[in-house]
C-alpha atoms as a PDB file:
ATOM      1  CA  MET A   1     273.493 -57.024  53.671  1.00  0.00           C
ATOM      2  CA  SER A   2     272.998 -56.436  50.046  1.00  0.00           C
ATOM      3  CA  ASN A   3     275.456 -58.271  47.248  1.00  0.00           C
ATOM      4  CA  SER A   4     276.837 -55.057  46.072  1.00  0.00           C
ATOM      5  CA  ASN A   5     278.032 -53.925  49.916  1.00  0.00           C
ATOM      6  CA  PHE A   6     279.326 -57.544  50.896  1.00  0.00           C
ATOM      7  CA  VAL A   7     283.602 -57.842  49.946  1.00  0.00           C
ATOM      8  CA  ASP A   8     284.632 -60.699  51.643  1.00  0.00           C
ATOM      9  CA  TYR A   9     288.568 -60.364  49.864  1.00  0.00           C
ATOM     10  CA  VAL A  10     290.591 -57.527  49.169  1.00  0.00           C
ATOM     11  CA  LYS A  11     294.506 -57.335  48.586  1.00  0.00           C
ATOM     12  CA  ILE A  12     296.224 -54.659  49.461  1.00  0.00           C
ATOM     13  CA  CYS A  13     299.551 -52.843  49.322  1.00  0.00           C
ATOM     14  CA  CYS A  14     301.188 -52.232  53.122  1.00  0.00           C
ATOM     15  CA  ARG A  15     304.132 -50.188  53.626  1.00  0.00           C
ATOM     16  CA  THR A  16     305.177 -49.426  56.358  1.00  0.00           C
ATOM     17  CA  GLY A  17     307.549 -46.827  58.157  1.00  0.00           C
ATOM     18  CA  LYS A  18     310.753 -46.191  58.125  1.00  0.00           C
ATOM     19  CA  GLY A  19     312.551 -46.047  61.492  1.00  0.00           C
ATOM     20  CA  GLY A  20     314.531 -42.798  62.309  1.00  0.00           C
ATOM     21  CA  ALA A  21     318.134 -41.798  62.482  1.00  0.00           C
ATOM     22  CA  GLY A  22     319.978 -42.530  65.407  1.00  0.00           C
ATOM     23  CA  SER A  23     321.258 -38.662  66.336  1.00  0.00           C
ATOM     24  CA  ALA A  24     325.092 -38.577  66.644  1.00  0.00           C
ATOM     25  CA  TYR A  25     325.144 -35.360  69.151  1.00  0.00           C
ATOM     26  CA  LEU A  26     327.918 -34.684  71.321  1.00  0.00           C
ATOM     27  CA  HIS A  27     327.099 -32.566  74.366  1.00  0.00           C
ATOM     28  CA  ARG A  28     327.559 -29.232  74.345  1.00  0.00           C
ATOM     29  CA  ASP A  29     327.679 -27.076  77.261  1.00  0.00           C
ATOM     30  CA  LYS A  30     329.436 -23.602  78.364  1.00  0.00           C
ATOM     31  CA  LEU A  31     332.338 -25.507  79.820  1.00  0.00           C
ATOM     32  CA  THR A  32     332.193 -27.785  77.285  1.00  0.00           C
ATOM     33  CA  MET A  33     333.393 -27.385  73.698  1.00  0.00           C
ATOM     34  CA  THR A  34     333.184 -31.533  73.002  1.00  0.00           C
ATOM     35  CA  GLY A  35     332.213 -33.384  75.644  1.00  0.00           C
ATOM     36  CA  GLY A  36     330.588 -37.490  75.260  1.00  0.00           C
ATOM     37  CA  PRO A  37     328.121 -38.596  73.289  1.00  0.00           C
ATOM     38  CA  GLN A  38     324.498 -38.066  73.809  1.00  0.00           C
ATOM     39  CA  GLY A  39     322.239 -38.584  70.524  1.00  0.00           C
ATOM     40  CA  GLY A  40     318.951 -39.900  70.935  1.00  0.00           C
ATOM     41  CA  ASP A  41     317.999 -43.386  69.027  1.00  0.00           C
ATOM     42  CA  GLY A  42     315.451 -42.825  66.576  1.00  0.00           C
ATOM     43  CA  GLY A  43     311.739 -43.590  66.946  1.00  0.00           C
ATOM     44  CA  ARG A  44     310.023 -46.541  65.369  1.00  0.00           C
ATOM     45  CA  GLY A  45     308.415 -46.735  62.062  1.00  0.00           C
ATOM     46  CA  GLY A  46     304.461 -47.042  62.001  1.00  0.00           C
ATOM     47  CA  HIS A  47     303.390 -50.307  61.925  1.00  0.00           C
ATOM     48  CA  ILE A  48     300.239 -51.288  60.354  1.00  0.00           C
ATOM     49  CA  ILE A  49     297.666 -53.316  62.380  1.00  0.00           C
ATOM     50  CA  LEU A  50     293.999 -54.987  62.041  1.00  0.00           C
ATOM     51  CA  LYS A  51     291.899 -54.412  64.984  1.00  0.00           C
ATOM     52  CA  GLY A  52     287.996 -56.892  65.492  1.00  0.00           C
ATOM     53  CA  ASN A  53     285.357 -54.589  65.279  1.00  0.00           C
ATOM     54  CA  ARG A  54     281.662 -56.677  65.670  1.00  0.00           C
ATOM     55  CA  ASN A  55     280.162 -53.867  64.638  1.00  0.00           C
ATOM     56  CA  ILE A  56     280.973 -54.104  60.789  1.00  0.00           C
ATOM     57  CA  TRP A  57     280.665 -57.008  59.340  1.00  0.00           C
ATOM     58  CA  THR A  58     282.083 -56.572  55.515  1.00  0.00           C
ATOM     59  CA  LEU A  59     285.417 -55.425  54.405  1.00  0.00           C
ATOM     60  CA  LEU A  60     283.601 -52.825  51.829  1.00  0.00           C
ATOM     61  CA  HIS A  61     285.417 -50.196  53.239  1.00  0.00           C
ATOM     62  CA  LEU A  62     288.546 -51.310  52.538  1.00  0.00           C
ATOM     63  CA  LYS A  63     288.033 -52.619  49.343  1.00  0.00           C
ATOM     64  CA  TYR A  64     288.987 -49.003  47.141  1.00  0.00           C
ATOM     65  CA  ARG A  65     291.951 -48.432  49.679  1.00  0.00           C
ATOM     66  CA  LYS A  66     294.990 -50.275  47.456  1.00  0.00           C
ATOM     67  CA  HIS A  67     297.740 -48.384  49.252  1.00  0.00           C
ATOM     68  CA  VAL A  68     297.592 -48.460  52.867  1.00  0.00           C
ATOM     69  CA  ILE A  69     300.928 -45.962  53.674  1.00  0.00           C
ATOM     70  CA  ALA A  70     302.987 -45.201  57.921  1.00  0.00           C
ATOM     71  CA  LYS A  71     304.430 -42.687  58.900  1.00  0.00           C
ATOM     72  CA  PRO A  72     308.121 -42.885  59.123  1.00  0.00           C
ATOM     73  CA  GLY A  73     309.853 -42.230  62.916  1.00  0.00           C
ATOM     74  CA  GLU A  74     311.047 -39.217  63.665  1.00  0.00           C
ATOM     75  CA  PRO A  75     315.690 -38.955  64.171  1.00  0.00           C
ATOM     76  CA  GLY A  76     316.584 -39.326  67.623  1.00  0.00           C
ATOM     77  CA  GLY A  77     317.769 -35.708  69.291  1.00  0.00           C
ATOM     78  CA  LYS A  78     320.441 -34.915  71.572  1.00  0.00           C
ATOM     79  CA  SER A  79     319.981 -35.773  75.612  1.00  0.00           C
ATOM     80  CA  ARG A  80     319.315 -39.142  74.425  1.00  0.00           C
ATOM     81  CA  SER A  81     315.763 -38.550  73.524  1.00  0.00           C
ATOM     82  CA  THR A  82     314.539 -40.898  70.952  1.00  0.00           C
ATOM     83  CA  GLY A  83     312.451 -39.885  68.157  1.00  0.00           C
ATOM     84  CA  LYS A  84     308.624 -39.695  68.374  1.00  0.00           C
ATOM     85  CA  THR A  85     307.127 -43.169  66.690  1.00  0.00           C
ATOM     86  CA  GLY A  86     305.819 -42.733  63.034  1.00  0.00           C
ATOM     87  CA  GLU A  87     301.943 -43.162  63.658  1.00  0.00           C
ATOM     88  CA  ASP A  88     299.891 -46.761  63.148  1.00  0.00           C
ATOM     89  CA  ILE A  89     297.766 -47.184  60.842  1.00  0.00           C
ATOM     90  CA  ILE A  90     295.156 -49.208  62.535  1.00  0.00           C
ATOM     91  CA  LEU A  91     292.969 -50.849  59.995  1.00  0.00           C
ATOM     92  CA  ASP A  92     289.258 -52.076  61.273  1.00  0.00           C
ATOM     93  CA  VAL A  93     288.001 -55.772  59.859  1.00  0.00           C
ATOM     94  CA  PRO A  94     285.020 -58.053  61.154  1.00  0.00           C
ATOM     95  CA  LEU A  95     285.349 -60.803  63.362  1.00  0.00           C
ATOM     96  CA  GLY A  96     286.621 -64.008  60.954  1.00  0.00           C
ATOM     97  CA  THR A  97     289.416 -62.347  58.709  1.00  0.00           C
ATOM     98  CA  VAL A  98     292.441 -63.990  57.651  1.00  0.00           C
ATOM     99  CA  ALA A  99     295.261 -62.208  56.996  1.00  0.00           C
ATOM    100  CA  LYS A 100     297.677 -64.175  53.873  1.00  0.00           C
ATOM    101  CA  HIS A 101     300.755 -63.001  52.148  1.00  0.00           C
ATOM    102  CA  ALA A 102     300.009 -62.528  48.754  1.00  0.00           C
ATOM    103  CA  GLU A 103     302.599 -63.593  47.169  1.00  0.00           C
ATOM    104  CA  THR A 104     303.087 -67.134  49.454  1.00  0.00           C
ATOM    105  CA  GLY A 105     299.161 -67.194  50.317  1.00  0.00           C
ATOM    106  CA  GLU A 106     300.554 -67.908  53.963  1.00  0.00           C
ATOM    107  CA  VAL A 107     298.007 -67.685  56.394  1.00  0.00           C
ATOM    108  CA  LEU A 108     298.787 -64.792  58.824  1.00  0.00           C
ATOM    109  CA  PHE A 109     296.542 -64.943  61.987  1.00  0.00           C
ATOM    110  CA  GLU A 110     292.953 -64.895  61.877  1.00  0.00           C
ATOM    111  CA  ILE A 111     290.594 -62.101  63.735  1.00  0.00           C
ATOM    112  CA  THR A 112     288.072 -63.641  66.051  1.00  0.00           C
ATOM    113  CA  GLU A 113     288.145 -60.824  69.276  1.00  0.00           C
ATOM    114  CA  HIS A 114     286.291 -57.708  69.182  1.00  0.00           C
ATOM    115  CA  ASP A 115     288.875 -54.708  70.245  1.00  0.00           C
ATOM    116  CA  GLU A 116     292.128 -57.451  69.017  1.00  0.00           C
ATOM    117  CA  GLU A 117     295.161 -55.796  67.515  1.00  0.00           C
ATOM    118  CA  VAL A 118     297.747 -57.662  65.699  1.00  0.00           C
ATOM    119  CA  VAL A 119     300.349 -56.310  64.124  1.00  0.00           C
ATOM    120  CA  LEU A 120     300.005 -56.742  59.892  1.00  0.00           C
ATOM    121  CA  LEU A 121     303.353 -55.625  58.797  1.00  0.00           C
ATOM    122  CA  GLU A 122     305.613 -53.955  61.234  1.00  0.00           C
ATOM    123  CA  GLY A 123     307.849 -50.892  60.988  1.00  0.00           C
ATOM    124  CA  GLY A 124     311.035 -50.141  60.544  1.00  0.00           C
ATOM    125  CA  ARG A 125     313.419 -50.223  63.191  1.00  0.00           C
ATOM    126  CA  GLY A 126     314.537 -46.674  64.885  1.00  0.00           C
ATOM    127  CA  GLY A 127     318.850 -46.213  64.419  1.00  0.00           C
ATOM    128  CA  LEU A 128     320.489 -46.114  68.014  1.00  0.00           C
ATOM    129  CA  GLY A 129     322.398 -43.216  68.931  1.00  0.00           C
ATOM    130  CA  ASN A 130     325.711 -42.847  68.844  1.00  0.00           C
ATOM    131  CA  TRP A 131     325.865 -42.646  72.565  1.00  0.00           C
ATOM    132  CA  HIS A 132     325.754 -47.406  72.073  1.00  0.00           C
ATOM    133  CA  PHE A 133     329.385 -46.922  70.820  1.00  0.00           C
ATOM    134  CA  LYS A 134     331.452 -45.344  73.305  1.00  0.00           C
ATOM    135  CA  SER A 135     333.608 -47.782  74.779  1.00  0.00           C
ATOM    136  CA  SER A 136     337.496 -47.209  75.675  1.00  0.00           C
ATOM    137  CA  THR A 137     338.747 -46.682  72.547  1.00  0.00           C
ATOM    138  CA  ALA A 138     336.064 -44.817  71.204  1.00  0.00           C
ATOM    139  CA  GLN A 139     335.351 -42.031  73.481  1.00  0.00           C
ATOM    140  CA  THR A 140     333.733 -39.882  70.860  1.00  0.00           C
ATOM    141  CA  PRO A 141     332.392 -41.718  68.250  1.00  0.00           C
ATOM    142  CA  ARG A 142     331.106 -39.332  65.673  1.00  0.00           C
ATOM    143  CA  PHE A 143     328.547 -41.252  63.897  1.00  0.00           C
ATOM    144  CA  ALA A 144     324.970 -43.329  64.920  1.00  0.00           C
ATOM    145  CA  GLN A 145     323.077 -45.546  63.428  1.00  0.00           C
ATOM    146  CA  PRO A 146     320.743 -44.978  60.597  1.00  0.00           C
ATOM    147  CA  GLY A 147     316.726 -46.250  60.483  1.00  0.00           C
ATOM    148  CA  GLU A 148     315.894 -49.699  59.146  1.00  0.00           C
ATOM    149  CA  GLU A 149     313.237 -48.679  56.046  1.00  0.00           C
ATOM    150  CA  GLY A 150     309.990 -49.897  56.342  1.00  0.00           C
ATOM    151  CA  LYS A 151     308.483 -53.120  54.587  1.00  0.00           C
ATOM    152  CA  GLU A 152     306.159 -52.618  51.203  1.00  0.00           C
ATOM    153  CA  GLU A 153     304.423 -56.707  50.943  1.00  0.00           C
ATOM    154  CA  TRP A 154     301.336 -56.979  49.805  1.00  0.00           C
ATOM    155  CA  MET A 155     298.537 -58.877  51.876  1.00  0.00           C
ATOM    156  CA  ILE A 156     295.180 -60.782  51.373  1.00  0.00           C
ATOM    157  CA  LEU A 157     292.483 -60.424  53.586  1.00  0.00           C
ATOM    158  CA  GLU A 158     289.922 -63.032  53.756  1.00  0.00           C
ATOM    159  CA  LEU A 159     286.315 -62.872  55.556  1.00  0.00           C
ATOM    160  CA  LYS A 160     285.181 -66.320  56.667  1.00  0.00           C
ATOM    161  CA  VAL A 161     281.231 -65.035  58.173  1.00  0.00           C
ATOM    162  CA  LEU A 162     281.466 -66.369  61.850  1.00  0.00           C
ATOM    163  CA  ALA A 163     278.249 -67.837  62.750  1.00  0.00           C
ATOM    164  CA  ASP A 164     276.438 -70.899  64.716  1.00  0.00           C
ATOM    165  CA  VAL A 165     275.057 -72.667  62.062  1.00  0.00           C
ATOM    166  CA  GLY A 166     275.649 -72.250  58.351  1.00  0.00           C
ATOM    167  CA  LEU A 167     273.243 -73.663  55.479  1.00  0.00           C
ATOM    168  CA  VAL A 168     274.207 -76.606  52.769  1.00  0.00           C
ATOM    169  CA  GLY A 169     272.481 -77.036  50.502  1.00  0.00           C
ATOM    170  CA  TYR A 170     271.916 -77.267  46.315  1.00  0.00           C
ATOM    171  CA  PRO A 171     270.895 -74.148  44.728  1.00  0.00           C
ATOM    172  CA  ASN A 172     267.260 -73.343  45.636  1.00  0.00           C
ATOM    173  CA  ALA A 173     266.804 -75.211  48.263  1.00  0.00           C
ATOM    174  CA  GLY A 174     264.670 -72.846  50.219  1.00  0.00           C
ATOM    175  CA  LYS A 175     268.067 -72.217  52.334  1.00  0.00           C
ATOM    176  CA  SER A 176     267.310 -67.860  52.397  1.00  0.00           C
ATOM    177  CA  THR A 177     263.536 -68.654  52.595  1.00  0.00           C
ATOM    178  CA  LEU A 178     264.176 -70.371  55.817  1.00  0.00           C
ATOM    179  CA  LEU A 179     266.644 -67.452  56.723  1.00  0.00           C
ATOM    180  CA  SER A 180     263.789 -64.722  56.769  1.00  0.00           C
ATOM    181  CA  VAL A 181     261.291 -66.496  58.350  1.00  0.00           C
ATOM    182  CA  VAL A 182     263.437 -67.802  61.256  1.00  0.00           C
ATOM    183  CA  SER A 183     265.377 -64.277  61.356  1.00  0.00           C
ATOM    184  CA  ALA A 184     265.062 -60.498  60.864  1.00  0.00           C
ATOM    185  CA  ALA A 185     267.621 -61.073  57.973  1.00  0.00           C
ATOM    186  CA  LYS A 186     265.711 -60.001  54.340  1.00  0.00           C
ATOM    187  CA  PRO A 187     267.852 -62.676  52.057  1.00  0.00           C
ATOM    188  CA  GLU A 188     267.071 -62.034  48.209  1.00  0.00           C
ATOM    189  CA  ILE A 189     264.333 -64.794  47.646  1.00  0.00           C
ATOM    190  CA  ALA A 190     263.669 -65.456  43.774  1.00  0.00           C
ATOM    191  CA  ASN A 191     262.638 -69.332  41.906  1.00  0.00           C
ATOM    192  CA  TYR A 192     265.941 -69.865  40.346  1.00  0.00           C
ATOM    193  CA  PRO A 193     269.509 -71.303  41.392  1.00  0.00           C
ATOM    194  CA  PHE A 194     272.178 -69.168  43.093  1.00  0.00           C
ATOM    195  CA  THR A 195     269.454 -66.390  43.766  1.00  0.00           C
ATOM    196  CA  THR A 196     272.089 -66.043  46.714  1.00  0.00           C
ATOM    197  CA  LEU A 197     275.547 -64.888  45.783  1.00  0.00           C
ATOM    198  CA  VAL A 198     276.827 -63.049  49.319  1.00  0.00           C
ATOM    199  CA  PRO A 199     276.793 -64.602  52.615  1.00  0.00           C
ATOM    200  CA  ASN A 200     273.429 -63.336  54.881  1.00  0.00           C
ATOM    201  CA  LEU A 201     273.394 -63.494  58.146  1.00  0.00           C
ATOM    202  CA  GLY A 202     270.095 -63.753  60.866  1.00  0.00           C
ATOM    203  CA  ILE A 203     269.647 -63.558  64.312  1.00  0.00           C
ATOM    204  CA  VAL A 204     267.837 -66.679  65.533  1.00  0.00           C
ATOM    205  CA  ASP A 205     265.778 -66.047  68.239  1.00  0.00           C
ATOM    206  CA  TYR A 206     264.432 -68.929  70.720  1.00  0.00           C
ATOM    207  CA  HIS A 207     263.008 -69.684  74.076  1.00  0.00           C
ATOM    208  CA  ASP A 208     263.888 -67.116  77.532  1.00  0.00           C
ATOM    209  CA  TYR A 209     265.523 -64.389  75.083  1.00  0.00           C
ATOM    210  CA  LYS A 210     268.263 -66.588  73.822  1.00  0.00           C
ATOM    211  CA  SER A 211     269.923 -66.226  70.146  1.00  0.00           C
ATOM    212  CA  PHE A 212     272.244 -68.122  67.697  1.00  0.00           C
ATOM    213  CA  ILE A 213     273.033 -66.594  64.586  1.00  0.00           C
ATOM    214  CA  MET A 214     272.280 -68.614  61.536  1.00  0.00           C
ATOM    215  CA  ALA A 215     274.899 -68.024  57.710  1.00  0.00           C
ATOM    216  CA  ASP A 216     272.994 -68.934  54.917  1.00  0.00           C
ATOM    217  CA  ILE A 217     275.486 -69.247  52.378  1.00  0.00           C
ATOM    218  CA  PRO A 218     274.989 -69.333  48.315  1.00  0.00           C
ATOM    219  CA  GLY A 219     274.331 -73.027  47.252  1.00  0.00           C
ATOM    220  CA  ILE A 220     277.012 -75.999  46.675  1.00  0.00           C
ATOM    221  CA  ILE A 221     276.880 -77.702  43.427  1.00  0.00           C
ATOM    222  CA  GLU A 222     278.598 -80.979  42.301  1.00  0.00           C
ATOM    223  CA  GLY A 223     282.781 -80.065  41.754  1.00  0.00           C
ATOM    224  CA  ALA A 224     282.568 -77.282  43.703  1.00  0.00           C
ATOM    225  CA  HIS A 225     285.731 -77.737  45.544  1.00  0.00           C
ATOM    226  CA  GLU A 226     287.133 -77.301  42.264  1.00  0.00           C
ATOM    227  CA  GLY A 227     285.865 -73.858  41.773  1.00  0.00           C
ATOM    228  CA  LYS A 228     282.661 -74.583  39.933  1.00  0.00           C
ATOM    229  CA  GLY A 229     279.695 -72.274  40.337  1.00  0.00           C
ATOM    230  CA  ILE A 230     280.460 -69.895  43.276  1.00  0.00           C
ATOM    231  CA  GLY A 231     283.200 -72.618  44.757  1.00  0.00           C
ATOM    232  CA  HIS A 232     285.178 -71.840  47.471  1.00  0.00           C
ATOM    233  CA  ARG A 233     284.106 -68.296  47.336  1.00  0.00           C
ATOM    234  CA  PHE A 234     281.044 -69.749  49.793  1.00  0.00           C
ATOM    235  CA  LEU A 235     282.971 -72.869  50.844  1.00  0.00           C
ATOM    236  CA  ARG A 236     285.420 -70.648  53.557  1.00  0.00           C
ATOM    237  CA  HIS A 237     281.918 -69.224  54.852  1.00  0.00           C
ATOM    238  CA  ILE A 238     281.172 -72.807  56.381  1.00  0.00           C
ATOM    239  CA  GLU A 239     284.938 -73.119  57.920  1.00  0.00           C
ATOM    240  CA  ARG A 240     283.733 -70.890  60.765  1.00  0.00           C
ATOM    241  CA  ASN A 241     279.932 -71.668  61.390  1.00  0.00           C
ATOM    242  CA  ALA A 242     279.644 -73.848  64.802  1.00  0.00           C
ATOM    243  CA  ALA A 243     277.748 -76.511  62.937  1.00  0.00           C
ATOM    244  CA  LEU A 244     276.227 -76.980  59.775  1.00  0.00           C
ATOM    245  CA  LEU A 245     272.568 -77.121  58.602  1.00  0.00           C
ATOM    246  CA  PHE A 246     271.923 -79.225  55.365  1.00  0.00           C
ATOM    247  CA  MET A 247     268.546 -78.510  53.314  1.00  0.00           C
ATOM    248  CA  ILE A 248     267.370 -80.799  51.115  1.00  0.00           C
ATOM    249  CA  PRO A 249     264.141 -80.732  49.311  1.00  0.00           C
ATOM    250  CA  VAL A 250     261.308 -83.405  49.881  1.00  0.00           C
ATOM    251  CA  ASP A 251     261.091 -83.905  45.987  1.00  0.00           C
ATOM    252  CA  SER A 252     264.802 -84.734  45.531  1.00  0.00           C
ATOM    253  CA  ASP A 253     265.024 -87.023  43.154  1.00  0.00           C
ATOM    254  CA  ASP A 254     267.240 -88.959  45.864  1.00  0.00           C
ATOM    255  CA  ILE A 255     267.698 -87.545  49.254  1.00  0.00           C
ATOM    256  CA  ARG A 256     270.539 -89.983  50.360  1.00  0.00           C
ATOM    257  CA  GLU A 257     272.467 -89.002  47.269  1.00  0.00           C
ATOM    258  CA  GLU A 258     272.206 -85.824  47.239  1.00  0.00           C
ATOM    259  CA  TYR A 259     273.202 -85.643  51.158  1.00  0.00           C
ATOM    260  CA  ASP A 260     276.170 -87.364  50.323  1.00  0.00           C
ATOM    261  CA  VAL A 261     277.094 -85.367  46.999  1.00  0.00           C
ATOM    262  CA  LEU A 262     276.918 -82.138  49.464  1.00  0.00           C
ATOM    263  CA  LEU A 263     279.252 -83.618  52.157  1.00  0.00           C
ATOM    264  CA  ASN A 264     281.852 -84.901  49.539  1.00  0.00           C
ATOM    265  CA  GLU A 265     281.785 -80.841  48.702  1.00  0.00           C
ATOM    266  CA  LEU A 266     282.777 -80.081  51.567  1.00  0.00           C
ATOM    267  CA  LYS A 267     285.410 -83.361  52.612  1.00  0.00           C
ATOM    268  CA  GLN A 268     287.166 -82.556  49.002  1.00  0.00           C
ATOM    269  CA  PHE A 269     287.531 -78.850  50.039  1.00  0.00           C
ATOM    270  CA  ASN A 270     288.228 -79.278  53.914  1.00  0.00           C
ATOM    271  CA  PRO A 271     288.196 -82.910  55.518  1.00  0.00           C
ATOM    272  CA  GLU A 272     288.254 -81.282  58.856  1.00  0.00           C
ATOM    273  CA  LEU A 273     283.963 -80.080  58.118  1.00  0.00           C
ATOM    274  CA  LEU A 274     283.444 -83.713  58.511  1.00  0.00           C
ATOM    275  CA  ASP A 275     284.108 -83.041  62.489  1.00  0.00           C
ATOM    276  CA  LYS A 276     281.379 -80.326  62.849  1.00  0.00           C
ATOM    277  CA  ARG A 277     277.649 -81.237  63.878  1.00  0.00           C
ATOM    278  CA  ARG A 278     275.109 -82.067  61.069  1.00  0.00           C
ATOM    279  CA  HIS A 279     271.580 -81.867  60.300  1.00  0.00           C
ATOM    280  CA  LEU A 280     269.409 -82.376  57.978  1.00  0.00           C
ATOM    281  CA  ALA A 281     266.158 -80.281  57.065  1.00  0.00           C
ATOM    282  CA  ILE A 282     263.735 -82.056  54.877  1.00  0.00           C
ATOM    283  CA  THR A 283     262.095 -79.116  53.007  1.00  0.00           C
ATOM    284  CA  LYS A 284     258.808 -78.597  51.831  1.00  0.00           C
ATOM    285  CA  ILE A 285     257.320 -80.271  53.615  1.00  0.00           C
ATOM    286  CA  ASP A 286     253.658 -78.903  52.493  1.00  0.00           C
ATOM    287  CA  MET A 287     253.808 -80.534  49.099  1.00  0.00           C
ATOM    288  CA  LEU A 288     253.076 -83.162  50.953  1.00  0.00           C
ATOM    289  CA  ASP A 289     250.831 -84.935  53.185  1.00  0.00           C
ATOM    290  CA  ASP A 290     251.132 -87.068  56.361  1.00  0.00           C
ATOM    291  CA  ASP A 291     250.557 -90.442  55.045  1.00  0.00           C
ATOM    292  CA  LEU A 292     253.005 -89.584  52.324  1.00  0.00           C
ATOM    293  CA  ILE A 293     255.294 -88.244  54.725  1.00  0.00           C
ATOM    294  CA  LYS A 294     254.874 -91.317  56.750  1.00  0.00           C
ATOM    295  CA  GLU A 295     256.454 -93.561  53.407  1.00  0.00           C
ATOM    296  CA  LEU A 296     259.028 -90.966  53.161  1.00  0.00           C
ATOM    297  CA  ASP A 297     260.182 -91.459  56.796  1.00  0.00           C
ATOM    298  CA  ASP A 298     259.787 -95.289  56.449  1.00  0.00           C
ATOM    299  CA  GLU A 299     262.199 -94.859  53.655  1.00  0.00           C
ATOM    300  CA  LEU A 300     264.616 -92.806  55.159  1.00  0.00           C
ATOM    301  CA  LYS A 301     264.752 -94.259  58.285  1.00  0.00           C
ATOM    302  CA  GLU A 302     266.429 -97.244  56.107  1.00  0.00           C
ATOM    303  CA  LYS A 303     268.957 -94.864  53.660  1.00  0.00           C
ATOM    304  CA  LEU A 304     270.040 -92.837  55.990  1.00  0.00           C
ATOM    305  CA  PRO A 305     272.910 -92.857  58.342  1.00  0.00           C
ATOM    306  CA  SER A 306     271.469 -94.044  61.443  1.00  0.00           C
ATOM    307  CA  ASP A 307     273.477 -90.665  63.319  1.00  0.00           C
ATOM    308  CA  LEU A 308     272.257 -88.449  61.170  1.00  0.00           C
ATOM    309  CA  THR A 309     269.459 -86.566  62.805  1.00  0.00           C
ATOM    310  CA  TYR A 310     266.729 -84.883  60.807  1.00  0.00           C
ATOM    311  CA  THR A 311     263.388 -82.397  60.782  1.00  0.00           C
ATOM    312  CA  TYR A 312     260.783 -81.786  58.452  1.00  0.00           C
ATOM    313  CA  ILE A 313     259.954 -77.957  57.800  1.00  0.00           C
ATOM    314  CA  SER A 314     258.200 -76.138  55.859  1.00  0.00           C
ATOM    315  CA  SER A 315     258.848 -72.462  55.702  1.00  0.00           C
ATOM    316  CA  VAL A 316     255.890 -71.464  53.866  1.00  0.00           C
ATOM    317  CA  SER A 317     253.506 -72.597  56.101  1.00  0.00           C
ATOM    318  CA  GLY A 318     255.807 -72.480  58.858  1.00  0.00           C
ATOM    319  CA  LYS A 319     254.981 -76.076  60.358  1.00  0.00           C
ATOM    320  CA  GLY A 320     258.346 -77.832  62.123  1.00  0.00           C
ATOM    321  CA  ILE A 321     260.160 -75.190  62.477  1.00  0.00           C
ATOM    322  CA  PRO A 322     259.578 -74.828  65.936  1.00  0.00           C
ATOM    323  CA  ALA A 323     261.413 -78.416  65.489  1.00  0.00           C
ATOM    324  CA  LEU A 324     264.444 -77.431  64.272  1.00  0.00           C
ATOM    325  CA  LYS A 325     264.866 -74.029  66.274  1.00  0.00           C
ATOM    326  CA  ASP A 326     265.238 -77.341  69.398  1.00  0.00           C
ATOM    327  CA  ALA A 327     267.267 -79.797  67.296  1.00  0.00           C
ATOM    328  CA  LEU A 328     269.597 -76.766  66.274  1.00  0.00           C
ATOM    329  CA  TRP A 329     270.295 -75.646  70.149  1.00  0.00           C
ATOM    330  CA  GLU A 330     271.104 -78.394  71.221  1.00  0.00           C
ATOM    331  CA  ILE A 331     272.961 -79.243  68.632  1.00  0.00           C
ATOM    332  CA  ILE A 332     274.619 -75.641  69.268  1.00  0.00           C
ATOM    333  CA  ASN A 333     275.067 -76.285  72.835  1.00  0.00           C
ATOM    334  CA  ASP A 334     275.846 -79.722  72.887  1.00  0.00           C
END
């Protein structure tokens, strides 16, 4: 998934179809010059519908489609025949897409299932034919109802990546390297901060043909919840992960302090993120020998929260990777 092709936010103008007008037809045949009302109802205007598609991962196909316009319904006919419904516009979106009203910011719904269809904006209702208005005092009404106007609204579509495990850490903490080692994903990797500018997904193989999805989220910096760095663009993706893997390099100045900063950024953005299961991976462990690792472990047992599990890993040497997979699998399936 290349950076240029990953789009997780689009703003589109949606215009639904106008409803067809009802018919004011009066029945006529060889024996009847002016019969009773027989005008049919107008057809409904076209809806704009979002449909979940598990085979697409980005909103790229909607990036340059700024206007989405559905067709109007057709007018009613004689013999109470209803006009044809306007053609609906169905937009395929990846799972995890959230629809919002652009003006109010109101969250309308979220698409989470394959083939799930939800109406984003309804088309206008068709007008009623004249036969609906027949009464004891108006036997032959010569009027019908016009169709309802369609709606026009600006909508925002935001993608929140769906994954079992989301990687959380400072820029250059080794998240992309880990993802490239445990899966077939090929994220961009370099020795400088903010190499990753968009989420990358990888499928991690486990024992007995089992697997889980891991998401490499762009790195957090202090103040990210206020929009600093890449800010809210990446934090919303963490909301859709079942578990969080915090990654802190072994050469960090203070592992506990760095963990607390990361945790605080999640809390400030959305306190519910603290309810997710967490595991800590202490990375780049190949930099230390066994004696230093033991000394560090004794220190961490005193400083880290007692309920926080952690694993030492090296994505370069592969040390600790099987144990990390075991820990994550247990957390996901707990």
